[in-house]
Amino acid sequence: MFAGVSSSIIPIMEPTWVADEIMAAILTNQEVLVIPKLFYTLV
């Protein structure tokens, strides 16, 4: 999304991977999608 951006706390996610995760959640009627997965412990 922004060229050269980096983060040491939260991983930078690829847009295609995020779109794939969203589509998989929609197709399986998943009610909650938490991205990145390390945040599942907070939900």
Protein backbone atom coordinates (compact mmCIF):
# COMPACT_ATOMS: atom_id res chain seq x y z
CA MET A 1 0.00 0.00 0.00
CA PHE A 2 2.83 2.39 0.86
CA ALA A 3 6.22 1.83 -0.73
CA GLY A 4 9.00 1.25 1.78
CA VAL A 5 6.77 0.99 4.85
CA SER A 6 7.92 -1.36 7.60
CA SER A 7 6.79 -2.37 11.06
CA SER A 8 8.58 -4.22 13.81
CA ILE A 9 5.38 -4.91 15.78
CA ILE A 10 2.72 -5.87 13.24
CA PRO A 11 3.69 -7.80 10.10
CA ILE A 12 3.05 -6.05 6.79
CA MET A 13 0.48 -8.13 4.92
CA GLU A 14 0.27 -8.63 1.19
CA PRO A 15 -3.02 -7.37 -0.29
CA THR A 16 -3.58 -10.58 -2.26
CA TRP A 17 -3.18 -12.69 0.88
CA VAL A 18 -5.62 -10.46 2.78
CA ALA A 19 -8.12 -10.71 -0.09
CA ASP A 20 -7.77 -14.51 -0.12
CA GLU A 21 -8.39 -14.66 3.64
CA ILE A 22 -11.47 -12.44 3.30
CA MET A 23 -12.86 -14.52 0.44
CA ALA A 24 -12.30 -17.76 2.35
CA ALA A 25 -14.11 -16.29 5.37
CA ILE A 26 -17.04 -15.18 3.20
CA LEU A 27 -17.32 -18.53 1.42
CA THR A 28 -17.32 -20.47 4.71
CA ASN A 29 -19.75 -18.06 6.42
CA GLN A 30 -17.13 -17.23 9.03
CA GLU A 31 -18.59 -14.57 11.34
CA VAL A 32 -15.30 -13.14 12.58
CA LEU A 33 -12.02 -12.76 10.74
CA VAL A 34 -9.01 -11.52 12.65
CA ILE A 35 -5.99 -10.53 10.59
CA PRO A 36 -3.13 -11.06 11.40
CA LYS A 37 -3.70 -14.33 13.17
CA LEU A 38 -1.55 -13.38 16.15
CA PHE A 39 -4.43 -11.11 17.25
CA TYR A 40 -6.76 -14.11 17.76
CA THR A 41 -5.51 -14.23 21.34
CA LEU A 42 -7.03 -10.79 21.91
CA VAL A 43 -10.52 -11.77 20.72
